[in-house]
Protein backbone atom coordinates (compact mmCIF):
# COMPACT_ATOMS: atom_id res chain seq x y z
CA UNK A 1 0.00 0.00 0.00
CA UNK A 2 2.84 2.33 0.90
CA UNK A 3 4.50 1.69 -2.46
CA UNK A 4 1.23 2.32 -4.27
CA UNK A 5 0.76 5.68 -2.53
CA UNK A 6 4.36 6.62 -3.30
CA UNK A 7 3.88 5.78 -6.98
CA UNK A 8 0.64 7.79 -7.11
CA UNK A 9 2.37 10.75 -5.48
CA UNK A 10 5.25 10.59 -7.97
CA UNK A 11 2.86 10.30 -10.90
CA UNK A 12 0.85 13.34 -9.78
CA UNK A 13 4.02 15.34 -9.19
CA UNK A 14 5.36 14.52 -12.65
CA UNK A 15 2.00 15.42 -14.22
CA UNK A 16 1.94 18.78 -12.48
CA UNK A 17 5.48 19.69 -13.46
CA UNK A 18 4.96 18.39 -17.00
CA UNK A 19 2.15 20.85 -17.62
CA UNK A 20 3.11 23.66 -19.93
CA UNK A 21 2.44 27.30 -19.21
CA UNK A 22 0.39 29.60 -21.43
CA UNK A 23 2.06 31.35 -24.34
CA UNK A 24 3.11 34.67 -22.71
CA UNK A 25 3.37 36.75 -25.89
CA UNK A 26 0.33 36.22 -28.12
CA UNK A 27 -2.87 37.31 -26.39
CA UNK A 28 -5.50 36.73 -29.07
CA UNK A 29 -6.51 33.95 -31.46
CA UNK A 30 -9.38 35.71 -33.18
CA UNK A 31 -9.24 35.55 -36.98
CA UNK A 32 -12.76 35.69 -38.51
CA UNK A 33 -13.06 39.49 -38.33
CA UNK A 34 -14.74 41.60 -41.05
CA UNK A 35 -11.53 43.48 -41.90
CA UNK A 36 -9.76 40.14 -42.47
CA UNK A 37 -12.15 39.07 -45.21
CA UNK A 38 -10.12 37.95 -48.23
CA UNK A 39 -12.74 38.66 -50.91
CA UNK A 40 -12.83 42.06 -52.66
CA UNK A 41 -16.42 41.22 -53.61
CA UNK A 42 -17.50 40.71 -49.99
CA UNK A 43 -15.47 43.72 -48.77
CA UNK A 44 -16.97 45.92 -51.47
CA UNK A 45 -20.49 44.95 -50.38
CA UNK A 46 -19.99 45.84 -46.72
CA UNK A 47 -17.39 43.39 -45.41
CA UNK A 48 -19.57 40.29 -45.11
CA UNK A 49 -20.99 37.76 -47.55
CA UNK A 50 -22.95 34.69 -46.43
CA UNK A 51 -25.60 34.81 -49.18
CA UNK A 52 -24.13 35.79 -52.59
CA UNK A 53 -22.94 32.76 -54.59
CA UNK A 54 -21.39 34.88 -57.34
CA UNK A 55 -18.41 35.56 -55.07
CA UNK A 56 -15.67 33.12 -56.07
CA UNK A 57 -14.00 33.59 -52.68
CA UNK A 58 -17.21 32.66 -50.89
CA UNK A 59 -15.74 29.44 -49.48
CA UNK A 60 -13.93 31.71 -46.99
CA UNK A 61 -17.06 33.39 -45.62
CA UNK A 62 -19.67 30.67 -46.18
CA UNK A 63 -18.65 27.30 -47.67
CA UNK A 64 -22.28 26.55 -48.54
CA UNK A 65 -22.21 29.17 -51.30
CA UNK A 66 -20.31 26.85 -53.65
CA UNK A 67 -22.91 24.09 -53.16
CA UNK A 68 -24.29 24.46 -56.71
CA UNK A 69 -21.20 25.80 -58.45
CA UNK A 70 -20.63 24.27 -61.91
CA UNK A 71 -17.30 25.72 -63.05
CA UNK A 72 -13.68 26.12 -62.00
CA UNK A 73 -11.71 29.31 -61.28
CA UNK A 74 -8.18 30.04 -60.09
CA UNK A 75 -8.15 33.25 -58.02
CA UNK A 76 -5.59 35.29 -56.11
CA UNK A 77 -6.04 38.34 -53.87
CA UNK A 78 -3.32 40.86 -53.03
CA UNK A 79 -3.38 43.37 -50.16
CA UNK A 80 -2.03 46.92 -50.40
CA UNK A 81 -2.07 49.32 -47.45
CA UNK A 82 -0.05 52.29 -46.25
CA UNK A 83 3.14 51.27 -44.53
CA UNK A 84 2.31 52.12 -40.90
CA UNK A 85 4.61 51.09 -38.07
CA UNK A 86 3.18 48.34 -35.85
CA UNK A 87 4.32 48.26 -32.24
CA UNK A 88 4.72 45.19 -30.06
CA UNK A 89 1.50 45.78 -28.08
CA UNK A 90 -0.59 45.80 -31.28
CA UNK A 91 1.14 42.71 -32.64
CA UNK A 92 0.54 40.77 -29.41
CA UNK A 93 -3.11 41.80 -29.13
CA UNK A 94 -4.05 41.35 -32.79
CA UNK A 95 -2.64 38.01 -33.86
CA UNK A 96 -3.56 38.40 -37.54
CA UNK A 97 -1.47 41.41 -38.61
CA UNK A 98 -0.12 41.18 -42.15
CA UNK A 99 2.55 43.05 -44.05
CA UNK A 100 1.36 46.26 -45.80
CA UNK A 101 1.83 44.67 -49.21
CA UNK A 102 1.49 40.94 -49.64
CA UNK A 103 -0.52 38.05 -51.04
CA UNK A 104 -3.66 37.62 -48.94
CA UNK A 105 -5.38 34.58 -50.45
CA UNK A 106 -5.14 32.12 -53.33
CA UNK A 107 -7.91 29.70 -54.16
CA UNK A 108 -8.71 27.02 -56.72
CA UNK A 109 -12.47 26.59 -56.98
CA UNK A 110 -13.53 23.39 -58.73
CA UNK A 111 -17.30 22.90 -58.75
CA UNK A 112 -18.37 21.96 -55.19
CA UNK A 113 -14.83 21.87 -53.79
CA UNK A 114 -12.12 24.46 -53.19
CA UNK A 115 -8.45 24.37 -52.14
CA UNK A 116 -7.03 27.54 -50.64
CA UNK A 117 -3.91 28.98 -49.05
CA UNK A 118 -3.95 32.01 -46.75
CA UNK A 119 -1.18 33.78 -44.80
CA UNK A 120 -3.08 34.49 -41.57
CA UNK A 121 -0.32 36.45 -39.81
CA UNK A 122 3.02 37.87 -40.90
CA UNK A 123 4.68 40.45 -38.68
CA UNK A 124 8.30 41.38 -37.99
CA UNK A 125 9.19 44.02 -35.37
CA UNK A 126 12.44 45.27 -33.88
CA UNK A 127 11.85 48.07 -31.38
CA UNK A 128 13.31 49.50 -28.14
CA UNK A 129 11.75 47.97 -25.02
CA UNK A 130 9.98 50.04 -22.35
CA UNK A 131 13.27 50.58 -20.53
CA UNK A 132 14.78 52.18 -23.63
CA UNK A 133 17.86 49.97 -23.38
CA UNK A 134 18.63 47.32 -26.01
CA UNK A 135 15.90 46.11 -28.35
CA UNK A 136 12.91 43.81 -28.52
CA UNK A 137 12.66 41.35 -31.42
CA UNK A 138 9.32 39.85 -32.53
CA UNK A 139 8.74 37.66 -35.58
CA UNK A 140 5.48 35.73 -36.00
CA UNK A 141 4.08 33.88 -39.00
CA UNK A 142 0.94 31.76 -39.30
CA UNK A 143 -0.28 30.09 -42.51
CA UNK A 144 -3.49 28.26 -43.30
CA UNK A 145 -4.34 25.57 -45.86
CA UNK A 146 -8.03 24.92 -46.35
CA UNK A 147 -10.20 22.33 -48.10
CA UNK A 148 -13.85 23.14 -48.77
CA UNK A 149 -16.56 20.56 -49.44
CA UNK A 150 -20.12 21.56 -50.30
CA UNK A 151 -23.38 20.12 -51.56
CA UNK A 152 -27.02 20.93 -52.24
CA UNK A 153 -30.55 19.57 -51.80
CA UNK A 154 -33.46 20.82 -53.93
CA UNK A 155 -36.08 18.34 -52.77
CA UNK A 156 -37.93 21.03 -50.74
CA UNK A 157 -36.29 24.40 -51.37
CA UNK A 158 -32.84 25.19 -52.78
CA UNK A 159 -30.68 24.39 -49.73
CA UNK A 160 -26.88 24.55 -49.78
CA UNK A 161 -24.47 23.34 -47.12
CA UNK A 162 -20.69 23.33 -46.79
CA UNK A 163 -17.72 22.48 -44.58
CA UNK A 164 -14.22 24.00 -44.30
CA UNK A 165 -11.37 21.86 -42.98
CA UNK A 166 -8.32 23.97 -42.06
CA UNK A 167 -4.75 23.14 -41.14
CA UNK A 168 -2.63 25.90 -39.58
CA UNK A 169 1.11 26.05 -39.07
CA UNK A 170 3.34 28.83 -37.77
CA UNK A 171 6.35 29.96 -35.75
CA UNK A 172 7.08 32.65 -33.17
CA UNK A 173 10.55 34.05 -32.35
CA UNK A 174 10.80 36.59 -29.52
CA UNK A 175 13.68 38.14 -27.57
CA UNK A 176 14.42 41.10 -25.32
CA UNK A 177 18.13 41.67 -25.86
CA UNK A 178 18.82 42.64 -22.25
CA UNK A 179 17.12 39.50 -20.92
CA UNK A 180 18.40 36.24 -22.44
CA UNK A 181 15.77 34.31 -20.44
CA UNK A 182 13.04 35.98 -22.49
CA UNK A 183 14.05 34.10 -25.65
CA UNK A 184 11.22 32.13 -27.29
CA UNK A 185 11.44 30.06 -30.46
CA UNK A 186 8.33 27.95 -30.72
CA UNK A 187 6.38 26.30 -33.52
CA UNK A 188 2.64 26.01 -33.88
CA UNK A 189 0.35 23.49 -35.58
CA UNK A 190 -3.40 23.20 -35.41
CA UNK A 191 -6.75 22.60 -37.05
CA UNK A 192 -10.12 24.30 -37.34
CA UNK A 193 -13.51 23.89 -39.02
CA UNK A 194 -16.26 26.12 -40.44
CA UNK A 195 -19.85 25.21 -41.26
CA UNK A 196 -22.21 27.01 -43.65
CA UNK A 197 -25.84 26.89 -44.74
CA UNK A 198 -28.05 28.79 -47.20
CA UNK A 199 -31.73 28.68 -48.09
CA UNK A 200 -33.26 30.35 -51.15
CA UNK A 201 -36.94 31.25 -51.43
CA UNK A 202 -37.81 33.26 -54.53
CA UNK A 203 -35.74 36.44 -54.69
CA UNK A 204 -34.51 36.05 -51.10
CA UNK A 205 -31.53 34.08 -49.86
CA UNK A 206 -30.79 33.39 -46.17
CA UNK A 207 -27.31 32.45 -45.00
CA UNK A 208 -25.70 31.22 -41.80
CA UNK A 209 -22.02 30.46 -41.15
CA UNK A 210 -20.13 29.39 -38.03
CA UNK A 211 -16.35 29.94 -37.98
CA UNK A 212 -13.72 28.00 -36.04
CA UNK A 213 -16.33 26.03 -34.11
CA UNK A 214 -13.99 23.05 -33.59
CA UNK A 215 -10.40 24.20 -33.34
CA UNK A 216 -7.11 23.75 -31.52
CA UNK A 217 -3.68 25.31 -31.88
CA UNK A 218 -0.78 23.33 -30.43
CA UNK A 219 2.45 25.04 -29.37
CA UNK A 220 5.52 22.86 -28.92
CA UNK A 221 6.34 24.11 -25.40
CA UNK A 222 3.17 25.92 -24.27
CA UNK A 223 -0.45 25.08 -23.61
CA UNK A 224 -2.72 24.57 -26.61
CA UNK A 225 -5.28 27.24 -27.41
CA UNK A 226 -8.69 27.34 -29.09
CA UNK A 227 -9.44 29.85 -31.84
CA UNK A 228 -12.22 32.31 -31.04
CA UNK A 229 -15.48 31.01 -32.54
CA UNK A 230 -17.73 33.41 -34.43
CA UNK A 231 -21.06 33.24 -36.23
CA UNK A 232 -22.47 35.28 -39.13
CA UNK A 233 -25.95 35.45 -40.61
CA UNK A 234 -27.51 37.44 -43.39
CA UNK A 235 -30.33 37.94 -45.85
CA UNK A 236 -30.12 38.94 -49.51
CA UNK A 237 -32.64 40.29 -51.98
CA UNK A 238 -31.43 39.67 -55.52
CA UNK A 239 -32.37 39.93 -59.18
CA UNK A 240 -30.34 39.15 -62.29
CA UNK A 241 -28.38 42.41 -62.07
CA UNK A 242 -28.85 43.67 -58.51
CA UNK A 243 -28.48 42.36 -54.98
CA UNK A 244 -28.86 43.98 -51.56
CA UNK A 245 -27.38 42.30 -48.47
CA UNK A 246 -27.99 42.71 -44.74
CA UNK A 247 -26.01 40.78 -42.13
CA UNK A 248 -24.37 40.62 -38.74
CA UNK A 249 -21.35 38.88 -37.28
CA UNK A 250 -20.15 38.32 -33.71
CA UNK A 251 -18.53 36.03 -31.17
CA UNK A 252 -20.08 32.82 -29.87
CA UNK A 253 -20.61 32.62 -26.07
CA UNK A 254 -18.49 35.70 -25.37
CA UNK A 255 -19.08 39.34 -24.58
CA UNK A 256 -20.59 40.68 -27.75
CA UNK A 257 -18.69 42.73 -30.30
CA UNK A 258 -21.26 42.27 -33.06
CA UNK A 259 -20.82 44.13 -36.33
CA UNK A 260 -23.77 45.04 -38.55
CA UNK A 261 -23.32 45.04 -42.32
CA UNK A 262 -25.18 46.61 -45.23
CA UNK A 263 -24.13 46.52 -48.87
CA UNK A 264 -25.13 45.90 -52.42
CA UNK A 265 -24.02 45.40 -55.99
CA UNK A 266 -25.22 46.35 -59.46
CA UNK A 267 -23.99 44.62 -62.63
CA UNK A 268 -24.01 45.85 -66.21
CA UNK A 269 -23.76 43.06 -68.80
CA UNK A 270 -23.30 42.90 -72.55
CA UNK A 271 -25.30 40.09 -74.11
CA UNK A 272 -25.39 38.01 -70.95
CA UNK A 273 -27.59 37.85 -67.86
CA UNK A 274 -24.97 36.83 -65.32
CA UNK A 275 -21.63 38.07 -64.09
CA UNK A 276 -19.54 34.92 -64.22
CA UNK A 277 -16.52 33.43 -65.91
CA UNK A 278 -18.66 30.95 -67.82
CA UNK A 279 -19.93 33.86 -69.95
CA UNK A 280 -18.01 34.80 -73.08
CA UNK A 281 -19.28 38.37 -72.82
CA UNK A 282 -18.26 41.44 -70.86
CA UNK A 283 -19.65 42.47 -67.48
CA UNK A 284 -18.98 45.36 -65.15
CA UNK A 285 -19.92 45.44 -61.44
CA UNK A 286 -20.12 48.27 -58.92
CA UNK A 287 -20.31 47.61 -55.15
CA UNK A 288 -20.73 49.73 -52.03
CA UNK A 289 -21.44 49.13 -48.37
CA UNK A 290 -20.66 49.88 -44.74
CA UNK A 291 -20.41 48.15 -41.38
CA UNK A 292 -20.01 49.11 -37.74
CA UNK A 293 -20.52 47.98 -34.16
CA UNK A 294 -22.98 50.79 -33.41
CA UNK A 295 -22.99 53.35 -36.29
CA UNK A 296 -22.37 56.07 -33.71
CA UNK A 297 -20.36 58.70 -35.50
CA UNK A 298 -18.41 58.59 -38.76
CA UNK A 299 -15.23 57.54 -36.93
CA UNK A 300 -16.91 54.27 -35.87
CA UNK A 301 -18.10 53.26 -39.35
CA UNK A 302 -16.18 51.35 -42.02
CA UNK A 303 -17.08 52.45 -45.53
CA UNK A 304 -16.43 50.09 -48.42
CA UNK A 305 -16.49 50.43 -52.18
CA UNK A 306 -15.48 48.11 -54.98
CA UNK A 307 -15.91 46.98 -58.53
CA UNK A 308 -15.21 44.20 -60.97
CA UNK A 309 -14.81 43.47 -64.65
CA UNK A 310 -14.75 40.19 -66.53
CA UNK A 311 -14.01 39.36 -70.13
CA UNK A 312 -14.21 35.80 -71.43
CA UNK A 313 -12.43 33.66 -68.83
CA UNK A 314 -10.58 36.55 -67.17
CA UNK A 315 -11.81 38.67 -64.28
CA UNK A 316 -10.57 41.51 -62.13
CA UNK A 317 -12.04 42.74 -58.82
CA UNK A 318 -11.00 45.34 -56.28
CA UNK A 319 -12.23 46.86 -53.03
CA UNK A 320 -11.38 49.73 -50.70
CA UNK A 321 -12.08 49.52 -46.97
CA UNK A 322 -11.57 52.56 -44.73
CA UNK A 323 -12.73 53.69 -41.32
CA UNK A 324 -14.09 57.18 -40.72
CA UNK A 325 -13.72 58.33 -44.33
CA UNK A 326 -9.92 58.43 -44.01
CA UNK A 327 -8.92 57.45 -47.52
CA UNK A 328 -5.19 57.53 -46.77
CA UNK A 329 -5.71 54.66 -44.30
CA UNK A 330 -7.72 52.55 -46.74
CA UNK A 331 -6.85 48.95 -47.46
CA UNK A 332 -6.90 48.12 -51.16
CA UNK A 333 -7.63 44.52 -52.09
CA UNK A 334 -6.99 43.45 -55.68
CA UNK A 335 -8.07 40.13 -57.17
CA UNK A 336 -7.20 38.47 -60.46
CA UNK A 337 -8.81 35.30 -61.72
CA UNK A 338 -8.93 32.98 -64.69
CA UNK A 339 -11.51 30.36 -65.60
CA UNK A 340 -10.36 26.75 -65.83
CA UNK A 341 -11.65 24.11 -68.28
């Protein structure tokens, strides 16, 4: 009995000491934010799209939207923003900061499936610490590879459903030069899932998407972390050439930070009814929208604008997203795409 108690005591002691501590640097794992949307079509229409299937990046915001897709497209989005200095506090709090100019998303859409790559975070900082002596070094990268599977059921009403399976991998290097014990060099691997659903009744489409509902990020030497789950829902009124979208997005089971979205799109076509790469004709699209937590004052509102043009199998889209009508702080998102046989 004495030996058994001794063994149990040793086992508990080893278990306690074997537990890792929390990652002390990164404070947030919250990625599905409106400003992080990778689609210039969604950004142009107010920063959220859970209902419009004509967005070829829609597997990001609602995987169900490719549930009745019949063609293939290779797309890439590139981010351009003013080169503003990012300090360490911002980098630690917002774990999805990207470089001012870099690739934001690349996707191969093939009927009801999609394969995508996204750099989620890419930040490099060298700055003086609070003491003003020495320097503080911070380098963090996080990449995501995603597979989207979708389907449809028209037995009652046109219903679409979809699933995103995501693999994430990254690395953090951190050092305060005056404190060698502060050195961190740790790798990160993890997974996450999204679910999406749409229902169409006449000219109206209803959409629902849940982001990062099952997720885990595993550090090599620190405790694993879950990604912040979020949910988005919306309604769309659409005709052949016009659509108007209303939606909202917020955290699941957390203090609310819900954003409310309004946007729309109008399309001019030449000899064709639809704006898509399957058409051999020209089409021009104009988009505008806005979103906010409370719409209290211009400084609390994000204004968005965008457009698109397609010719034969080629298409070009862009969007501008700025807060408080400050055009110099706008983020420009450019997308190029080509239809595949």
